[in-house]
Amino acid sequence: MGLIDTLNRTAVALENKAKEINPPKAVKCPRCGSTDFISTAKGYSKGKGLLGTALIGSAGLVFGTSKNTVCCVCKQCSKKWEV
């Protein structure tokens, strides 16, 4: 078991060194710098889908899809932004 313990300690040391070199980036509010926020994913827009359907028929439902982005709202200053 001595070899396994040594390998585990070496792996942990390498992970810690990697975190020092490239620390994980925390998402912060662009206005106040707070990390206390609510995040939601954008999804399908019913209004755009109905408008597309009205214009070109059932194939217009595709217009309701949006890009895959995450919207955040800061709990401190109410700033809204996309990640």
PDB file of N, CA and C in Angstrom:
ATOM      1  N   MET A   1       0.818  -1.201   0.000  1.00  0.00           N
ATOM      2  CA  MET A   1       0.000   0.000   0.000  1.00  0.00           C
ATOM      3  C   MET A   1       0.859   1.261   0.000  1.00  0.00           C
ATOM      4  N   GLY A   2       2.114   1.164   0.275  1.00  0.00           N
ATOM      5  CA  GLY A   2       2.982   2.328   0.307  1.00  0.00           C
ATOM      6  C   GLY A   2       3.089   2.994  -1.053  1.00  0.00           C
ATOM      7  N   LEU A   3       3.128   2.192  -2.110  1.00  0.00           N
ATOM      8  CA  LEU A   3       3.236   2.737  -3.461  1.00  0.00           C
ATOM      9  C   LEU A   3       1.963   3.478  -3.857  1.00  0.00           C
ATOM     10  N   ILE A   4       0.814   2.936  -3.498  1.00  0.00           N
ATOM     11  CA  ILE A   4      -0.468   3.572  -3.836  1.00  0.00           C
ATOM     12  C   ILE A   4      -0.603   4.903  -3.101  1.00  0.00           C
ATOM     13  N   ASP A   5      -0.231   4.940  -1.828  1.00  0.00           N
ATOM     14  CA  ASP A   5      -0.290   6.188  -1.069  1.00  0.00           C
ATOM     15  C   ASP A   5       0.626   7.248  -1.676  1.00  0.00           C
ATOM     16  N   THR A   6       1.811   6.831  -2.075  1.00  0.00           N
ATOM     17  CA  THR A   6       2.754   7.754  -2.694  1.00  0.00           C
ATOM     18  C   THR A   6       2.205   8.308  -3.999  1.00  0.00           C
ATOM     19  N   LEU A   7       1.596   7.449  -4.809  1.00  0.00           N
ATOM     20  CA  LEU A   7       1.013   7.898  -6.072  1.00  0.00           C
ATOM     21  C   LEU A   7      -0.154   8.857  -5.838  1.00  0.00           C
ATOM     22  N   ASN A   8      -0.974   8.562  -4.834  1.00  0.00           N
ATOM     23  CA  ASN A   8      -2.095   9.454  -4.520  1.00  0.00           C
ATOM     24  C   ASN A   8      -1.605  10.824  -4.065  1.00  0.00           C
ATOM     25  N   ARG A   9      -0.591  10.843  -3.201  1.00  0.00           N
ATOM     26  CA  ARG A   9      -0.039  12.122  -2.739  1.00  0.00           C
ATOM     27  C   ARG A   9       0.577  12.901  -3.899  1.00  0.00           C
ATOM     28  N   THR A  10       1.239  12.199  -4.808  1.00  0.00           N
ATOM     29  CA  THR A  10       1.829  12.854  -5.979  1.00  0.00           C
ATOM     30  C   THR A  10       0.738  13.434  -6.879  1.00  0.00           C
ATOM     31  N   ALA A  11      -0.352  12.693  -7.063  1.00  0.00           N
ATOM     32  CA  ALA A  11      -1.449  13.176  -7.894  1.00  0.00           C
ATOM     33  C   ALA A  11      -2.089  14.419  -7.285  1.00  0.00           C
ATOM     34  N   VAL A  12      -2.292  14.416  -5.978  1.00  0.00           N
ATOM     35  CA  VAL A  12      -2.868  15.574  -5.300  1.00  0.00           C
ATOM     36  C   VAL A  12      -1.936  16.777  -5.421  1.00  0.00           C
ATOM     37  N   ALA A  13      -0.639  16.557  -5.262  1.00  0.00           N
ATOM     38  CA  ALA A  13       0.335  17.643  -5.378  1.00  0.00           C
ATOM     39  C   ALA A  13       0.335  18.230  -6.780  1.00  0.00           C
ATOM     40  N   LEU A  14       0.229  17.370  -7.795  1.00  0.00           N
ATOM     41  CA  LEU A  14       0.184  17.864  -9.181  1.00  0.00           C
ATOM     42  C   LEU A  14      -1.090  18.657  -9.450  1.00  0.00           C
ATOM     43  N   GLU A  15      -2.219  18.201  -8.914  1.00  0.00           N
ATOM     44  CA  GLU A  15      -3.473  18.943  -9.097  1.00  0.00           C
ATOM     45  C   GLU A  15      -3.393  20.312  -8.432  1.00  0.00           C
ATOM     46  N   ASN A  16      -2.826  20.374  -7.238  1.00  0.00           N
ATOM     47  CA  ASN A  16      -2.682  21.658  -6.544  1.00  0.00           C
ATOM     48  C   ASN A  16      -1.768  22.602  -7.319  1.00  0.00           C
ATOM     49  N   LYS A  17      -0.695  22.071  -7.871  1.00  0.00           N
ATOM     50  CA  LYS A  17       0.233  22.892  -8.661  1.00  0.00           C
ATOM     51  C   LYS A  17      -0.458  23.421  -9.919  1.00  0.00           C
ATOM     52  N   ALA A  18      -1.281  22.576 -10.562  1.00  0.00           N
ATOM     53  CA  ALA A  18      -2.011  23.008 -11.756  1.00  0.00           C
ATOM     54  C   ALA A  18      -2.999  24.119 -11.419  1.00  0.00           C
ATOM     55  N   LYS A  19      -3.635  24.034 -10.256  1.00  0.00           N
ATOM     56  CA  LYS A  19      -4.580  25.089  -9.841  1.00  0.00           C
ATOM     57  C   LYS A  19      -3.853  26.385  -9.554  1.00  0.00           C
ATOM     58  N   GLU A  20      -2.628  26.307  -9.035  1.00  0.00           N
ATOM     59  CA  GLU A  20      -1.846  27.520  -8.792  1.00  0.00           C
ATOM     60  C   GLU A  20      -1.472  28.196 -10.103  1.00  0.00           C
ATOM     61  N   ILE A  21      -1.117  27.389 -11.087  1.00  0.00           N
ATOM     62  CA  ILE A  21      -0.708  27.941 -12.386  1.00  0.00           C
ATOM     63  C   ILE A  21      -1.910  28.511 -13.126  1.00  0.00           C
ATOM     64  N   ASN A  22      -3.010  27.773 -13.202  1.00  0.00           N
ATOM     65  CA  ASN A  22      -4.224  28.205 -13.884  1.00  0.00           C
ATOM     66  C   ASN A  22      -5.399  28.146 -12.900  1.00  0.00           C
ATOM     67  N   PRO A  23      -5.577  29.186 -12.071  1.00  0.00           N
ATOM     68  CA  PRO A  23      -6.669  29.141 -11.111  1.00  0.00           C
ATOM     69  C   PRO A  23      -8.014  29.168 -11.824  1.00  0.00           C
ATOM     70  N   PRO A  24      -9.033  28.484 -11.282  1.00  0.00           N
ATOM     71  CA  PRO A  24     -10.354  28.509 -11.913  1.00  0.00           C
ATOM     72  C   PRO A  24     -10.932  29.915 -11.877  1.00  0.00           C
ATOM     73  N   LYS A  25     -11.552  30.304 -12.969  1.00  0.00           N
ATOM     74  CA  LYS A  25     -12.102  31.647 -13.077  1.00  0.00           C
ATOM     75  C   LYS A  25     -13.527  31.644 -12.539  1.00  0.00           C
ATOM     76  N   ALA A  26     -13.780  32.483 -11.563  1.00  0.00           N
ATOM     77  CA  ALA A  26     -15.118  32.604 -10.993  1.00  0.00           C
ATOM     78  C   ALA A  26     -15.900  33.639 -11.787  1.00  0.00           C
ATOM     79  N   VAL A  27     -17.171  33.391 -11.983  1.00  0.00           N
ATOM     80  CA  VAL A  27     -18.025  34.340 -12.668  1.00  0.00           C
ATOM     81  C   VAL A  27     -18.387  35.432 -11.675  1.00  0.00           C
ATOM     82  N   LYS A  28     -18.167  36.671 -12.063  1.00  0.00           N
ATOM     83  CA  LYS A  28     -18.460  37.816 -11.200  1.00  0.00           C
ATOM     84  C   LYS A  28     -19.326  38.815 -11.945  1.00  0.00           C
ATOM     85  N   CYS A  29     -20.073  39.578 -11.178  1.00  0.00           N
ATOM     86  CA  CYS A  29     -20.900  40.635 -11.755  1.00  0.00           C
ATOM     87  C   CYS A  29     -19.994  41.685 -12.388  1.00  0.00           C
ATOM     88  N   PRO A  30     -20.264  42.083 -13.631  1.00  0.00           N
ATOM     89  CA  PRO A  30     -19.410  43.082 -14.268  1.00  0.00           C
ATOM     90  C   PRO A  30     -19.532  44.469 -13.634  1.00  0.00           C
ATOM     91  N   ARG A  31     -20.628  44.732 -12.935  1.00  0.00           N
ATOM     92  CA  ARG A  31     -20.819  46.047 -12.332  1.00  0.00           C
ATOM     93  C   ARG A  31     -20.193  46.140 -10.940  1.00  0.00           C
ATOM     94  N   CYS A  32     -20.552  45.199 -10.039  1.00  0.00           N
ATOM     95  CA  CYS A  32     -20.106  45.324  -8.651  1.00  0.00           C
ATOM     96  C   CYS A  32     -19.083  44.271  -8.234  1.00  0.00           C
ATOM     97  N   GLY A  33     -18.852  43.244  -9.054  1.00  0.00           N
ATOM     98  CA  GLY A  33     -17.868  42.220  -8.744  1.00  0.00           C
ATOM     99  C   GLY A  33     -18.365  41.133  -7.805  1.00  0.00           C
ATOM    100  N   SER A  34     -19.646  41.129  -7.480  1.00  0.00           N
ATOM    101  CA  SER A  34     -20.209  40.137  -6.573  1.00  0.00           C
ATOM    102  C   SER A  34     -20.292  38.774  -7.263  1.00  0.00           C
ATOM    103  N   THR A  35     -20.177  37.704  -6.477  1.00  0.00           N
ATOM    104  CA  THR A  35     -20.351  36.352  -7.006  1.00  0.00           C
ATOM    105  C   THR A  35     -21.701  35.777  -6.587  1.00  0.00           C
ATOM    106  N   ASP A  36     -22.578  36.603  -6.013  1.00  0.00           N
ATOM    107  CA  ASP A  36     -23.909  36.191  -5.565  1.00  0.00           C
ATOM    108  C   ASP A  36     -24.921  36.575  -6.637  1.00  0.00           C
ATOM    109  N   PHE A  37     -25.300  35.602  -7.486  1.00  0.00           N
ATOM    110  CA  PHE A  37     -26.215  35.888  -8.584  1.00  0.00           C
ATOM    111  C   PHE A  37     -27.076  34.676  -8.884  1.00  0.00           C
ATOM    112  N   ILE A  38     -28.121  34.909  -9.683  1.00  0.00           N
ATOM    113  CA  ILE A  38     -29.016  33.847 -10.138  1.00  0.00           C
ATOM    114  C   ILE A  38     -28.738  33.645 -11.618  1.00  0.00           C
ATOM    115  N   SER A  39     -28.621  32.382 -12.051  1.00  0.00           N
ATOM    116  CA  SER A  39     -28.376  32.111 -13.469  1.00  0.00           C
ATOM    117  C   SER A  39     -29.496  31.244 -14.023  1.00  0.00           C
ATOM    118  N   THR A  40     -29.923  31.568 -15.238  1.00  0.00           N
ATOM    119  CA  THR A  40     -30.946  30.796 -15.931  1.00  0.00           C
ATOM    120  C   THR A  40     -30.503  30.589 -17.374  1.00  0.00           C
ATOM    121  N   ALA A  41     -30.926  29.497 -17.959  1.00  0.00           N
ATOM    122  CA  ALA A  41     -30.580  29.205 -19.350  1.00  0.00           C
ATOM    123  C   ALA A  41     -31.692  29.699 -20.259  1.00  0.00           C
ATOM    124  N   LYS A  42     -31.293  30.330 -21.353  1.00  0.00           N
ATOM    125  CA  LYS A  42     -32.279  30.743 -22.342  1.00  0.00           C
ATOM    126  C   LYS A  42     -32.719  29.518 -23.125  1.00  0.00           C
ATOM    127  N   GLY A  43     -33.962  29.495 -23.495  1.00  0.00           N
ATOM    128  CA  GLY A  43     -34.452  28.339 -24.222  1.00  0.00           C
ATOM    129  C   GLY A  43     -35.290  28.748 -25.412  1.00  0.00           C
ATOM    130  N   TYR A  44     -36.447  28.166 -25.518  1.00  0.00           N
ATOM    131  CA  TYR A  44     -37.325  28.375 -26.654  1.00  0.00           C
ATOM    132  C   TYR A  44     -38.197  29.604 -26.423  1.00  0.00           C
ATOM    133  N   SER A  45     -38.341  30.450 -27.452  1.00  0.00           N
ATOM    134  CA  SER A  45     -39.196  31.621 -27.390  1.00  0.00           C
ATOM    135  C   SER A  45     -40.515  31.320 -28.097  1.00  0.00           C
ATOM    136  N   LYS A  46     -41.589  31.253 -27.339  1.00  0.00           N
ATOM    137  CA  LYS A  46     -42.897  30.944 -27.927  1.00  0.00           C
ATOM    138  C   LYS A  46     -43.341  32.028 -28.899  1.00  0.00           C
ATOM    139  N   GLY A  47     -43.068  33.277 -28.561  1.00  0.00           N
ATOM    140  CA  GLY A  47     -43.468  34.381 -29.431  1.00  0.00           C
ATOM    141  C   GLY A  47     -42.806  34.314 -30.801  1.00  0.00           C
ATOM    142  N   LYS A  48     -41.518  34.068 -30.824  1.00  0.00           N
ATOM    143  CA  LYS A  48     -40.804  33.961 -32.101  1.00  0.00           C
ATOM    144  C   LYS A  48     -41.275  32.742 -32.880  1.00  0.00           C
ATOM    145  N   GLY A  49     -41.564  31.653 -32.170  1.00  0.00           N
ATOM    146  CA  GLY A  49     -42.067  30.449 -32.830  1.00  0.00           C
ATOM    147  C   GLY A  49     -43.427  30.683 -33.466  1.00  0.00           C
ATOM    148  N   LEU A  50     -44.315  31.371 -32.758  1.00  0.00           N
ATOM    149  CA  LEU A  50     -45.639  31.666 -33.312  1.00  0.00           C
ATOM    150  C   LEU A  50     -45.552  32.624 -34.496  1.00  0.00           C
ATOM    151  N   LEU A  51     -44.671  33.610 -34.408  1.00  0.00           N
ATOM    152  CA  LEU A  51     -44.492  34.549 -35.521  1.00  0.00           C
ATOM    153  C   LEU A  51     -43.957  33.820 -36.745  1.00  0.00           C
ATOM    154  N   GLY A  52     -42.987  32.933 -36.555  1.00  0.00           N
ATOM    155  CA  GLY A  52     -42.452  32.163 -37.674  1.00  0.00           C
ATOM    156  C   GLY A  52     -43.502  31.258 -38.284  1.00  0.00           C
ATOM    157  N   THR A  53     -44.353  30.671 -37.435  1.00  0.00           N
ATOM    158  CA  THR A  53     -45.426  29.806 -37.926  1.00  0.00           C
ATOM    159  C   THR A  53     -46.434  30.608 -38.734  1.00  0.00           C
ATOM    160  N   ALA A  54     -46.735  31.822 -38.280  1.00  0.00           N
ATOM    161  CA  ALA A  54     -47.679  32.673 -38.995  1.00  0.00           C
ATOM    162  C   ALA A  54     -47.125  33.096 -40.351  1.00  0.00           C
ATOM    163  N   LEU A  55     -45.828  33.281 -40.442  1.00  0.00           N
ATOM    164  CA  LEU A  55     -45.229  33.752 -41.686  1.00  0.00           C
ATOM    165  C   LEU A  55     -45.024  32.637 -42.711  1.00  0.00           C
ATOM    166  N   ILE A  56     -44.474  31.486 -42.288  1.00  0.00           N
ATOM    167  CA  ILE A  56     -44.139  30.465 -43.283  1.00  0.00           C
ATOM    168  C   ILE A  56     -44.729  29.090 -42.981  1.00  0.00           C
ATOM    169  N   GLY A  57     -45.582  28.973 -41.999  1.00  0.00           N
ATOM    170  CA  GLY A  57     -46.206  27.683 -41.706  1.00  0.00           C
ATOM    171  C   GLY A  57     -45.490  26.941 -40.595  1.00  0.00           C
ATOM    172  N   SER A  58     -45.727  25.635 -40.542  1.00  0.00           N
ATOM    173  CA  SER A  58     -45.210  24.849 -39.418  1.00  0.00           C
ATOM    174  C   SER A  58     -43.685  24.818 -39.347  1.00  0.00           C
ATOM    175  N   ALA A  59     -43.013  25.022 -40.461  1.00  0.00           N
ATOM    176  CA  ALA A  59     -41.545  25.069 -40.435  1.00  0.00           C
ATOM    177  C   ALA A  59     -41.047  26.303 -39.687  1.00  0.00           C
ATOM    178  N   GLY A  60     -41.899  27.287 -39.493  1.00  0.00           N
ATOM    179  CA  GLY A  60     -41.527  28.513 -38.793  1.00  0.00           C
ATOM    180  C   GLY A  60     -41.310  28.322 -37.304  1.00  0.00           C
ATOM    181  N   LEU A  61     -41.682  27.153 -36.775  1.00  0.00           N
ATOM    182  CA  LEU A  61     -41.447  26.879 -35.355  1.00  0.00           C
ATOM    183  C   LEU A  61     -39.962  26.915 -35.019  1.00  0.00           C
ATOM    184  N   VAL A  62     -39.132  26.710 -36.025  1.00  0.00           N
ATOM    185  CA  VAL A  62     -37.683  26.724 -35.823  1.00  0.00           C
ATOM    186  C   VAL A  62     -37.217  28.109 -35.383  1.00  0.00           C
ATOM    187  N   PHE A  63     -37.936  29.161 -35.753  1.00  0.00           N
ATOM    188  CA  PHE A  63     -37.523  30.524 -35.395  1.00  0.00           C
ATOM    189  C   PHE A  63     -37.602  30.780 -33.895  1.00  0.00           C
ATOM    190  N   GLY A  64     -38.274  29.912 -33.160  1.00  0.00           N
ATOM    191  CA  GLY A  64     -38.382  30.098 -31.718  1.00  0.00           C
ATOM    192  C   GLY A  64     -37.154  29.659 -30.946  1.00  0.00           C
ATOM    193  N   THR A  65     -36.262  28.918 -31.591  1.00  0.00           N
ATOM    194  CA  THR A  65     -35.056  28.481 -30.883  1.00  0.00           C
ATOM    195  C   THR A  65     -34.093  29.644 -30.768  1.00  0.00           C
ATOM    196  N   SER A  66     -33.341  29.663 -29.693  1.00  0.00           N
ATOM    197  CA  SER A  66     -32.352  30.717 -29.496  1.00  0.00           C
ATOM    198  C   SER A  66     -31.002  30.082 -29.214  1.00  0.00           C
ATOM    199  N   LYS A  67     -29.980  30.905 -29.221  1.00  0.00           N
ATOM    200  CA  LYS A  67     -28.641  30.397 -28.950  1.00  0.00           C
ATOM    201  C   LYS A  67     -28.571  29.892 -27.507  1.00  0.00           C
ATOM    202  N   ASN A  68     -27.682  28.982 -27.267  1.00  0.00           N
ATOM    203  CA  ASN A  68     -27.529  28.411 -25.924  1.00  0.00           C
ATOM    204  C   ASN A  68     -26.674  29.342 -25.084  1.00  0.00           C
ATOM    205  N   THR A  69     -27.313  30.234 -24.350  1.00  0.00           N
ATOM    206  CA  THR A  69     -26.597  31.145 -23.469  1.00  0.00           C
ATOM    207  C   THR A  69     -27.183  31.053 -22.072  1.00  0.00           C
ATOM    208  N   VAL A  70     -26.436  31.536 -21.129  1.00  0.00           N
ATOM    209  CA  VAL A  70     -26.886  31.573 -19.746  1.00  0.00           C
ATOM    210  C   VAL A  70     -27.010  33.029 -19.346  1.00  0.00           C
ATOM    211  N   CYS A  71     -28.168  33.405 -18.813  1.00  0.00           N
ATOM    212  CA  CYS A  71     -28.395  34.768 -18.339  1.00  0.00           C
ATOM    213  C   CYS A  71     -28.214  34.800 -16.833  1.00  0.00           C
ATOM    214  N   CYS A  72     -27.538  35.819 -16.342  1.00  0.00           N
ATOM    215  CA  CYS A  72     -27.299  35.964 -14.911  1.00  0.00           C
ATOM    216  C   CYS A  72     -27.879  37.285 -14.431  1.00  0.00           C
ATOM    217  N   VAL A  73     -28.385  37.286 -13.200  1.00  0.00           N
ATOM    218  CA  VAL A  73     -28.897  38.495 -12.560  1.00  0.00           C
ATOM    219  C   VAL A  73     -28.229  38.596 -11.197  1.00  0.00           C
ATOM    220  N   CYS A  74     -27.525  39.697 -10.957  1.00  0.00           N
ATOM    221  CA  CYS A  74     -26.820  39.908  -9.698  1.00  0.00           C
ATOM    222  C   CYS A  74     -27.830  40.197  -8.590  1.00  0.00           C
ATOM    223  N   LYS A  75     -27.666  39.552  -7.443  1.00  0.00           N
ATOM    224  CA  LYS A  75     -28.557  39.783  -6.308  1.00  0.00           C
ATOM    225  C   LYS A  75     -28.224  41.082  -5.569  1.00  0.00           C
ATOM    226  N   GLN A  76     -27.024  41.609  -5.769  1.00  0.00           N
ATOM    227  CA  GLN A  76     -26.612  42.822  -5.077  1.00  0.00           C
ATOM    228  C   GLN A  76     -27.045  44.091  -5.803  1.00  0.00           C
ATOM    229  N   CYS A  77     -26.800  44.149  -7.128  1.00  0.00           N
ATOM    230  CA  CYS A  77     -27.065  45.395  -7.859  1.00  0.00           C
ATOM    231  C   CYS A  77     -28.082  45.227  -8.985  1.00  0.00           C
ATOM    232  N   SER A  78     -28.622  44.034  -9.187  1.00  0.00           N
ATOM    233  CA  SER A  78     -29.654  43.725 -10.204  1.00  0.00           C
ATOM    234  C   SER A  78     -29.175  43.870 -11.637  1.00  0.00           C
ATOM    235  N   LYS A  79     -27.880  43.837 -11.864  1.00  0.00           N
ATOM    236  CA  LYS A  79     -27.318  43.889 -13.220  1.00  0.00           C
ATOM    237  C   LYS A  79     -27.612  42.564 -13.924  1.00  0.00           C
ATOM    238  N   LYS A  80     -28.032  42.624 -15.201  1.00  0.00           N
ATOM    239  CA  LYS A  80     -28.279  41.428 -16.003  1.00  0.00           C
ATOM    240  C   LYS A  80     -27.184  41.326 -17.060  1.00  0.00           C
ATOM    241  N   TRP A  81     -26.672  40.101 -17.256  1.00  0.00           N
ATOM    242  CA  TRP A  81     -25.658  39.873 -18.290  1.00  0.00           C
ATOM    243  C   TRP A  81     -25.708  38.431 -18.744  1.00  0.00           C
ATOM    244  N   GLU A  82     -25.106  38.154 -19.902  1.00  0.00           N
ATOM    245  CA  GLU A  82     -25.044  36.806 -20.462  1.00  0.00           C
ATOM    246  C   GLU A  82     -23.641  36.254 -20.320  1.00  0.00           C
ATOM    247  N   VAL A  83     -23.566  34.958 -20.045  1.00  0.00           N
ATOM    248  CA  VAL A  83     -22.271  34.288 -19.922  1.00  0.00           C
ATOM    249  C   VAL A  83     -22.062  33.434 -21.138  1.00  0.00           C
TER     250      VAL A  83
END
